[in-house]
Protein backbone atom coordinates (compact mmCIF):
# COMPACT_ATOMS: atom_id res chain seq x y z
CA MET A 1 243.74 198.75 169.19
CA GLU A 2 242.78 195.20 168.33
CA ILE A 3 241.08 194.17 165.10
CA TYR A 4 239.30 190.83 165.10
CA GLU A 5 238.64 188.83 161.96
CA MET A 6 235.34 187.07 162.56
CA SER A 7 233.24 184.42 160.94
CA VAL A 8 229.97 182.95 162.23
CA GLY A 9 230.52 181.46 165.66
CA HIS A 10 233.32 183.79 166.75
CA GLU A 11 233.04 184.63 170.46
CA LYS A 12 232.53 188.34 169.66
CA TRP A 13 230.04 187.75 166.80
CA GLY A 14 226.95 188.58 168.88
CA ASP A 15 228.54 191.64 170.51
CA THR A 16 229.56 192.90 167.08
CA ALA A 17 226.03 192.42 165.70
CA ASP A 18 224.66 194.34 168.69
CA PHE A 19 227.17 197.17 168.19
CA ALA A 20 226.37 197.35 164.46
CA GLU A 21 222.63 197.46 165.12
CA LYS A 22 222.99 200.33 167.61
CA CYS A 23 225.59 202.37 165.69
CA GLY A 24 223.05 204.84 164.28
CA TRP A 25 223.88 204.11 160.62
CA SER A 26 221.32 202.24 158.52
CA ALA A 27 224.03 199.97 157.07
CA GLY A 28 224.79 198.87 160.63
CA LYS A 29 221.28 197.53 161.05
CA VAL A 30 221.58 195.67 157.73
CA LEU A 31 224.91 194.20 158.81
CA ALA A 32 223.44 193.07 162.14
CA GLU A 33 220.59 191.31 160.31
CA LYS A 34 223.03 189.58 157.95
CA MET A 35 225.20 188.49 160.87
CA ARG A 36 222.24 187.09 162.80
CA SER A 37 220.94 185.21 159.76
CA GLY A 38 224.34 183.65 159.06
CA ASP A 39 224.65 185.44 155.72
CA PHE A 40 228.47 185.24 155.71
CA LYS A 41 229.80 182.24 153.78
CA GLY A 42 233.19 180.84 152.85
CA LEU A 43 235.92 183.47 153.14
CA GLU A 44 233.50 186.31 153.98
CA ARG A 45 234.28 187.99 157.28
CA VAL A 46 233.37 190.82 159.61
CA PHE A 47 236.30 192.81 161.01
CA MET A 48 235.77 194.55 164.33
CA ALA A 49 238.03 197.13 165.95
CA TYR A 50 238.22 197.22 169.74
CA GLU A 51 239.87 199.86 171.91
CA ASP A 52 240.29 198.92 175.59
CA ARG A 53 237.92 195.96 175.10
CA LYS A 54 235.24 198.30 173.74
CA PRO A 55 233.91 197.92 170.16
CA VAL A 56 234.67 201.07 168.17
CA GLY A 57 234.34 200.16 164.49
CA PHE A 58 233.64 197.50 161.90
CA CYS A 59 233.88 196.62 158.24
CA THR A 60 233.22 193.57 156.09
CA PHE A 61 234.95 191.43 153.49
CA THR A 62 232.39 189.93 151.09
CA GLU A 63 232.22 188.45 147.63
CA ARG A 64 229.46 190.88 146.65
CA ASP A 65 228.51 194.21 148.13
CA CYS A 66 225.72 196.43 146.83
CA LEU A 67 227.14 196.41 143.27
CA SER A 68 224.60 195.24 140.69
CA PRO A 69 225.17 191.54 139.91
CA LYS A 70 225.58 192.37 136.21
CA TYR A 71 229.13 193.51 137.07
CA LEU A 72 231.68 190.83 137.86
CA TYR A 73 233.98 192.67 140.28
CA LYS A 74 234.84 190.93 143.55
CA PRO A 75 235.69 190.84 146.51
CA PHE A 76 234.58 193.90 148.47
CA ILE A 77 235.36 195.83 151.60
CA GLY A 78 232.05 197.16 152.83
CA SER A 79 230.19 198.76 155.70
CA VAL A 80 233.20 200.71 156.99
CA PHE A 81 232.14 202.40 160.23
CA VAL A 82 233.92 204.00 163.20
CA ALA A 83 232.06 205.39 166.22
CA LYS A 84 232.02 209.19 166.20
CA GLU A 85 234.16 209.62 169.31
CA TYR A 86 236.93 207.47 167.75
CA ARG A 87 237.07 209.10 164.33
CA GLY A 88 240.28 210.80 163.26
CA GLN A 89 242.45 208.08 164.83
CA ARG A 90 243.05 206.17 161.58
CA ILE A 91 240.91 203.23 162.70
CA SER A 92 239.21 202.93 159.28
CA GLU A 93 242.63 202.81 157.66
CA GLN A 94 243.80 200.09 160.05
CA MET A 95 240.70 198.00 159.39
CA ILE A 96 241.06 198.43 155.63
CA GLU A 97 244.72 197.40 155.79
CA THR A 98 243.75 194.33 157.82
CA VAL A 99 241.14 193.36 155.23
CA ARG A 100 243.61 193.94 152.37
CA HIS A 101 246.06 191.60 154.07
CA TYR A 102 243.30 189.02 154.57
CA ALA A 103 242.37 189.27 150.87
CA ARG A 104 246.01 188.92 149.80
CA ILE A 105 246.70 185.80 151.86
CA ASN A 106 243.50 184.28 150.45
CA GLY A 107 244.59 184.75 146.84
CA TYR A 108 242.93 188.01 145.84
CA GLY A 109 245.08 190.56 144.02
CA ARG A 110 242.71 193.46 144.57
CA VAL A 111 239.68 194.53 146.54
CA TYR A 112 236.82 196.88 145.70
CA VAL A 113 234.70 199.39 147.59
CA MET A 114 231.34 200.92 146.65
CA SER A 115 230.81 204.36 148.15
CA GLY A 116 228.95 207.60 147.82
CA GLU A 117 231.66 209.41 149.80
CA LYS A 118 233.85 211.87 147.91
CA GLY A 119 237.58 211.86 148.71
CA LEU A 120 237.47 209.26 151.47
CA TYR A 121 238.78 206.14 149.77
CA GLU A 122 241.24 208.00 147.56
CA LYS A 123 243.15 209.04 150.70
CA PHE A 124 243.59 205.34 151.48
CA GLY A 125 245.08 204.72 148.02
CA PHE A 126 241.97 203.50 146.18
CA THR A 127 241.44 204.44 142.55
CA LYS A 128 237.97 205.28 141.27
CA ILE A 129 236.91 203.04 138.40
CA GLY A 130 233.62 204.81 137.72
CA ASN A 131 230.00 205.14 138.72
CA TYR A 132 228.00 201.91 138.84
CA GLU A 133 224.45 200.80 139.57
CA THR A 134 223.76 199.29 142.97
CA THR A 135 221.32 196.63 144.04
CA HIS A 136 219.32 199.48 145.63
CA GLY A 137 218.65 201.15 142.28
CA THR A 138 221.09 203.97 142.99
CA VAL A 139 224.47 204.85 141.49
CA GLU A 140 227.64 204.87 143.57
CA GLN A 141 231.35 205.13 142.93
CA LEU A 142 233.37 201.93 142.54
CA PHE A 143 236.95 201.99 143.83
CA VAL A 144 239.77 199.45 143.60
CA ILE A 145 243.09 198.89 145.33
CA ALA A 146 245.69 196.13 145.19
CA SER A 147 245.45 193.80 148.13
């Protein structure tokens, strides 16, 4: 398993955008559009997991996720996805740990996740802060963990 930390211009950037677009999850299509438009700035990154040179999962590190801008929490791990045939192999956990390390070495003491999933992020050590409005007009859970 290899996990690549990518910014715009990385050699696997285009392949990752293609994989995200075809993953079958609507957030993947959104990620692909953001990648192609160069919507990742500064320390923001896309993390891509590869198994035997094949893309199998991705997640992001961004200043803002879908949390309403009226809340000041940052930075975020977002768009955590693993291809169905690779689930159950702890790939999400490995990507999240890689992003936590990236956040820590860049001066962040904690990272946040917005999610509608019940029980998923708690098993990785995240603590639920509460339910918060999203930029989509919905309400999702906000989680935090030390980086």
